[in-house]
Amino acid sequence: MQDWQTYRLICRLAPEPAGLERLFQVVRRRGFVIAQVAAEQGAEELYVDLTVSGTRSVETLRAHLAKIHTLRSVHRPLEQRFIVAPVSPAVPVAG
């Protein structure tokens, strides 16, 4: 038995009445459980921050989500350990 993993996906969808339901349906059909959803309607897009749990590959889920015709993008946010702190500006050398 595999351990359940939790993943976060950020999606942008075209504004369509059934778009969000279609997204949820693909997630469930691929064996994932929706743990948390935050959605916001923009002027021309629907932004969805989705947290899912499952034992399958999240990259496979991402590939299936990308096939939804109203989905404009889907990506996983960078984990904190990969975010590099900004470099401080160089101090000018007096000369």
N, C-alpha and C. Protein backbone atom coordinates (compact mmCIF):
# COMPACT_ATOMS: atom_id res chain seq x y z
N MET A 1 0.85 -1.19 0.00
CA MET A 1 0.00 0.00 0.00
C MET A 1 0.88 1.24 0.00
N GLN A 2 0.59 2.17 -0.90
CA GLN A 2 1.38 3.38 -1.01
C GLN A 2 0.88 4.44 -0.03
N ASP A 3 1.78 5.34 0.34
CA ASP A 3 1.40 6.44 1.21
C ASP A 3 0.70 7.53 0.41
N TRP A 4 -0.26 8.16 1.03
CA TRP A 4 -0.95 9.26 0.39
C TRP A 4 -0.05 10.49 0.43
N GLN A 5 -0.02 11.20 -0.66
CA GLN A 5 0.74 12.44 -0.77
C GLN A 5 -0.24 13.58 -1.03
N THR A 6 0.13 14.77 -0.59
CA THR A 6 -0.68 15.95 -0.82
C THR A 6 0.07 16.87 -1.78
N TYR A 7 -0.65 17.39 -2.76
CA TYR A 7 -0.07 18.24 -3.79
C TYR A 7 -0.92 19.49 -3.97
N ARG A 8 -0.28 20.56 -4.40
CA ARG A 8 -0.99 21.80 -4.69
C ARG A 8 -0.82 22.12 -6.17
N LEU A 9 -1.92 22.46 -6.82
CA LEU A 9 -1.92 22.81 -8.24
C LEU A 9 -2.59 24.17 -8.41
N ILE A 10 -2.02 24.99 -9.26
CA ILE A 10 -2.59 26.29 -9.58
C ILE A 10 -3.10 26.20 -11.02
N CYS A 11 -4.38 26.48 -11.21
CA CYS A 11 -5.01 26.35 -12.52
C CYS A 11 -5.63 27.67 -12.95
N ARG A 12 -5.58 27.91 -14.25
CA ARG A 12 -6.29 29.04 -14.86
C ARG A 12 -7.23 28.47 -15.91
N LEU A 13 -8.50 28.81 -15.80
CA LEU A 13 -9.52 28.29 -16.71
C LEU A 13 -10.22 29.43 -17.43
N ALA A 14 -10.65 29.14 -18.65
CA ALA A 14 -11.51 30.08 -19.36
C ALA A 14 -12.85 30.12 -18.63
N PRO A 15 -13.50 31.28 -18.63
CA PRO A 15 -14.78 31.37 -17.91
C PRO A 15 -15.88 30.61 -18.66
N GLU A 16 -16.20 29.46 -18.17
CA GLU A 16 -17.24 28.61 -18.76
C GLU A 16 -18.07 28.06 -17.61
N PRO A 17 -19.39 27.98 -17.75
CA PRO A 17 -20.24 27.55 -16.64
C PRO A 17 -19.85 26.22 -16.01
N ALA A 18 -19.43 25.23 -16.79
CA ALA A 18 -19.13 23.90 -16.24
C ALA A 18 -17.64 23.64 -16.07
N GLY A 19 -16.81 24.65 -16.24
CA GLY A 19 -15.36 24.46 -16.20
C GLY A 19 -14.85 23.92 -14.88
N LEU A 20 -15.32 24.49 -13.77
CA LEU A 20 -14.87 24.05 -12.46
C LEU A 20 -15.31 22.62 -12.16
N GLU A 21 -16.55 22.29 -12.53
CA GLU A 21 -17.05 20.93 -12.32
C GLU A 21 -16.23 19.92 -13.13
N ARG A 22 -15.86 20.29 -14.36
CA ARG A 22 -15.05 19.41 -15.21
C ARG A 22 -13.68 19.17 -14.57
N LEU A 23 -13.08 20.22 -14.02
CA LEU A 23 -11.79 20.10 -13.33
C LEU A 23 -11.90 19.12 -12.16
N PHE A 24 -12.92 19.27 -11.34
CA PHE A 24 -13.12 18.38 -10.19
C PHE A 24 -13.35 16.95 -10.63
N GLN A 25 -14.10 16.77 -11.71
CA GLN A 25 -14.39 15.42 -12.20
C GLN A 25 -13.12 14.70 -12.63
N VAL A 26 -12.22 15.38 -13.34
CA VAL A 26 -10.97 14.75 -13.77
C VAL A 26 -10.13 14.39 -12.55
N VAL A 27 -10.07 15.28 -11.56
CA VAL A 27 -9.30 14.99 -10.34
C VAL A 27 -9.81 13.72 -9.68
N ARG A 28 -11.11 13.61 -9.52
CA ARG A 28 -11.69 12.43 -8.86
C ARG A 28 -11.50 11.16 -9.69
N ARG A 29 -11.69 11.26 -11.01
CA ARG A 29 -11.53 10.08 -11.88
C ARG A 29 -10.11 9.55 -11.89
N ARG A 30 -9.16 10.40 -11.65
CA ARG A 30 -7.76 9.99 -11.63
C ARG A 30 -7.32 9.50 -10.25
N GLY A 31 -8.26 9.34 -9.34
CA GLY A 31 -7.98 8.72 -8.05
C GLY A 31 -7.51 9.67 -6.96
N PHE A 32 -7.73 10.96 -7.13
CA PHE A 32 -7.33 11.93 -6.13
C PHE A 32 -8.54 12.43 -5.36
N VAL A 33 -8.29 12.88 -4.15
CA VAL A 33 -9.31 13.46 -3.30
C VAL A 33 -9.03 14.95 -3.20
N ILE A 34 -10.05 15.75 -3.37
CA ILE A 34 -9.89 17.20 -3.26
C ILE A 34 -9.91 17.56 -1.78
N ALA A 35 -8.78 18.12 -1.31
CA ALA A 35 -8.66 18.48 0.10
C ALA A 35 -9.03 19.93 0.35
N GLN A 36 -8.71 20.80 -0.61
CA GLN A 36 -8.97 22.23 -0.42
C GLN A 36 -9.05 22.91 -1.77
N VAL A 37 -9.94 23.90 -1.87
CA VAL A 37 -10.11 24.66 -3.11
C VAL A 37 -10.28 26.14 -2.76
N ALA A 38 -9.58 26.97 -3.52
CA ALA A 38 -9.81 28.41 -3.45
C ALA A 38 -9.94 28.87 -4.90
N ALA A 39 -11.03 29.53 -5.22
CA ALA A 39 -11.27 29.97 -6.60
C ALA A 39 -11.62 31.45 -6.60
N GLU A 40 -11.16 32.12 -7.65
CA GLU A 40 -11.44 33.54 -7.80
C GLU A 40 -11.71 33.84 -9.27
N GLN A 41 -12.80 34.53 -9.53
CA GLN A 41 -13.16 34.90 -10.89
C GLN A 41 -12.47 36.21 -11.25
N GLY A 42 -11.61 36.16 -12.27
CA GLY A 42 -10.98 37.36 -12.78
C GLY A 42 -11.81 37.93 -13.92
N ALA A 43 -11.31 38.97 -14.56
CA ALA A 43 -12.03 39.59 -15.67
C ALA A 43 -12.22 38.62 -16.84
N GLU A 44 -11.19 37.83 -17.13
CA GLU A 44 -11.26 36.93 -18.29
C GLU A 44 -10.89 35.50 -17.97
N GLU A 45 -10.63 35.19 -16.69
CA GLU A 45 -10.22 33.84 -16.31
C GLU A 45 -10.74 33.50 -14.92
N LEU A 46 -10.79 32.19 -14.67
CA LEU A 46 -11.08 31.68 -13.34
C LEU A 46 -9.78 31.12 -12.80
N TYR A 47 -9.36 31.60 -11.64
CA TYR A 47 -8.13 31.14 -11.00
C TYR A 47 -8.51 30.16 -9.90
N VAL A 48 -7.88 28.97 -9.93
CA VAL A 48 -8.21 27.92 -8.96
C VAL A 48 -6.92 27.43 -8.31
N ASP A 49 -6.87 27.51 -6.98
CA ASP A 49 -5.78 26.98 -6.18
C ASP A 49 -6.32 25.70 -5.56
N LEU A 50 -5.79 24.57 -5.99
CA LEU A 50 -6.35 23.27 -5.67
C LEU A 50 -5.34 22.43 -4.88
N THR A 51 -5.77 21.89 -3.76
CA THR A 51 -4.95 20.96 -2.99
C THR A 51 -5.61 19.59 -3.08
N VAL A 52 -4.83 18.60 -3.54
CA VAL A 52 -5.36 17.25 -3.72
C VAL A 52 -4.47 16.25 -2.98
N SER A 53 -5.06 15.11 -2.66
CA SER A 53 -4.32 14.02 -2.03
C SER A 53 -4.55 12.75 -2.82
N GLY A 54 -3.51 11.91 -2.89
CA GLY A 54 -3.65 10.64 -3.59
C GLY A 54 -2.36 9.85 -3.56
N THR A 55 -2.45 8.65 -4.10
CA THR A 55 -1.29 7.76 -4.13
C THR A 55 -0.65 7.71 -5.51
N ARG A 56 -1.30 8.31 -6.49
CA ARG A 56 -0.79 8.27 -7.86
C ARG A 56 0.12 9.47 -8.14
N SER A 57 0.74 9.45 -9.30
CA SER A 57 1.65 10.51 -9.72
C SER A 57 0.89 11.80 -10.00
N VAL A 58 1.32 12.88 -9.39
CA VAL A 58 0.69 14.18 -9.63
C VAL A 58 0.98 14.66 -11.05
N GLU A 59 2.09 14.24 -11.63
CA GLU A 59 2.40 14.65 -13.00
C GLU A 59 1.44 14.02 -14.00
N THR A 60 1.00 12.80 -13.72
CA THR A 60 -0.01 12.17 -14.56
C THR A 60 -1.33 12.93 -14.45
N LEU A 61 -1.69 13.31 -13.24
CA LEU A 61 -2.90 14.11 -13.04
C LEU A 61 -2.78 15.43 -13.80
N ARG A 62 -1.64 16.07 -13.70
CA ARG A 62 -1.43 17.35 -14.37
C ARG A 62 -1.58 17.19 -15.89
N ALA A 63 -1.05 16.10 -16.43
CA ALA A 63 -1.17 15.84 -17.87
C ALA A 63 -2.63 15.65 -18.28
N HIS A 64 -3.42 14.97 -17.46
CA HIS A 64 -4.84 14.77 -17.78
C HIS A 64 -5.61 16.08 -17.64
N LEU A 65 -5.28 16.88 -16.66
CA LEU A 65 -5.95 18.18 -16.50
C LEU A 65 -5.66 19.07 -17.70
N ALA A 66 -4.45 19.00 -18.21
CA ALA A 66 -4.06 19.84 -19.34
C ALA A 66 -4.87 19.53 -20.59
N LYS A 67 -5.53 18.39 -20.64
CA LYS A 67 -6.36 18.03 -21.79
C LYS A 67 -7.74 18.69 -21.77
N ILE A 68 -8.11 19.29 -20.65
CA ILE A 68 -9.40 19.98 -20.56
C ILE A 68 -9.34 21.21 -21.47
N HIS A 69 -10.27 21.32 -22.40
CA HIS A 69 -10.18 22.36 -23.43
C HIS A 69 -10.30 23.78 -22.87
N THR A 70 -10.91 23.96 -21.71
CA THR A 70 -11.02 25.30 -21.13
C THR A 70 -9.88 25.64 -20.18
N LEU A 71 -9.01 24.67 -19.92
CA LEU A 71 -7.89 24.91 -19.01
C LEU A 71 -6.78 25.63 -19.77
N ARG A 72 -6.41 26.79 -19.29
CA ARG A 72 -5.37 27.58 -19.95
C ARG A 72 -3.98 27.26 -19.42
N SER A 73 -3.89 26.93 -18.14
CA SER A 73 -2.59 26.51 -17.58
C SER A 73 -2.81 25.76 -16.28
N VAL A 74 -1.86 24.89 -15.97
CA VAL A 74 -1.84 24.18 -14.69
C VAL A 74 -0.38 23.98 -14.32
N HIS A 75 -0.04 24.35 -13.09
CA HIS A 75 1.34 24.16 -12.64
C HIS A 75 1.36 23.96 -11.13
N ARG A 76 2.46 23.42 -10.68
CA ARG A 76 2.68 23.25 -9.24
C ARG A 76 3.54 24.41 -8.77
N PRO A 77 3.15 25.08 -7.71
CA PRO A 77 3.97 26.19 -7.21
C PRO A 77 5.30 25.66 -6.68
N LEU A 78 6.30 26.51 -6.72
CA LEU A 78 7.60 26.12 -6.20
C LEU A 78 7.53 25.87 -4.71
N GLU A 79 8.22 24.86 -4.28
CA GLU A 79 8.30 24.61 -2.85
C GLU A 79 9.22 25.64 -2.22
N GLN A 80 9.00 25.95 -0.98
CA GLN A 80 9.76 27.00 -0.29
C GLN A 80 11.27 26.76 -0.37
N ARG A 81 11.70 25.52 -0.32
CA ARG A 81 13.13 25.24 -0.32
C ARG A 81 13.81 25.58 -1.65
N PHE A 82 13.02 25.76 -2.71
CA PHE A 82 13.58 26.10 -4.01
C PHE A 82 13.56 27.60 -4.30
N ILE A 83 12.92 28.37 -3.44
CA ILE A 83 12.86 29.81 -3.66
C ILE A 83 14.13 30.44 -3.10
N VAL A 84 14.85 31.14 -3.95
CA VAL A 84 16.12 31.74 -3.56
C VAL A 84 15.84 33.17 -3.10
N ALA A 85 16.45 33.52 -1.98
CA ALA A 85 16.30 34.89 -1.45
C ALA A 85 16.89 35.88 -2.44
N PRO A 86 16.25 37.05 -2.57
CA PRO A 86 16.79 38.04 -3.50
C PRO A 86 18.19 38.47 -3.09
N VAL A 87 19.01 38.71 -4.09
CA VAL A 87 20.38 39.15 -3.84
C VAL A 87 20.36 40.64 -3.58
N SER A 88 21.09 41.05 -2.53
CA SER A 88 21.13 42.49 -2.23
C SER A 88 21.92 43.21 -3.30
N PRO A 89 21.55 44.46 -3.58
CA PRO A 89 22.24 45.18 -4.63
C PRO A 89 23.70 45.37 -4.29
N ALA A 90 24.53 45.41 -5.35
CA ALA A 90 25.96 45.57 -5.15
C ALA A 90 26.25 46.97 -4.60
N VAL A 91 27.20 46.99 -3.71
CA VAL A 91 27.61 48.28 -3.11
C VAL A 91 28.59 48.93 -4.09
N PRO A 92 28.33 50.19 -4.48
CA PRO A 92 29.24 50.85 -5.42
C PRO A 92 30.63 51.02 -4.82
N VAL A 93 31.62 50.82 -5.64
CA VAL A 93 33.01 50.94 -5.20
C VAL A 93 33.46 52.38 -5.49
N ALA A 94 33.99 53.03 -4.43
CA ALA A 94 34.48 54.40 -4.60
C ALA A 94 35.78 54.34 -5.39
N GLY A 95 35.93 55.24 -6.27
CA GLY A 95 37.12 55.13 -7.09
C GLY A 95 37.60 56.38 -7.51
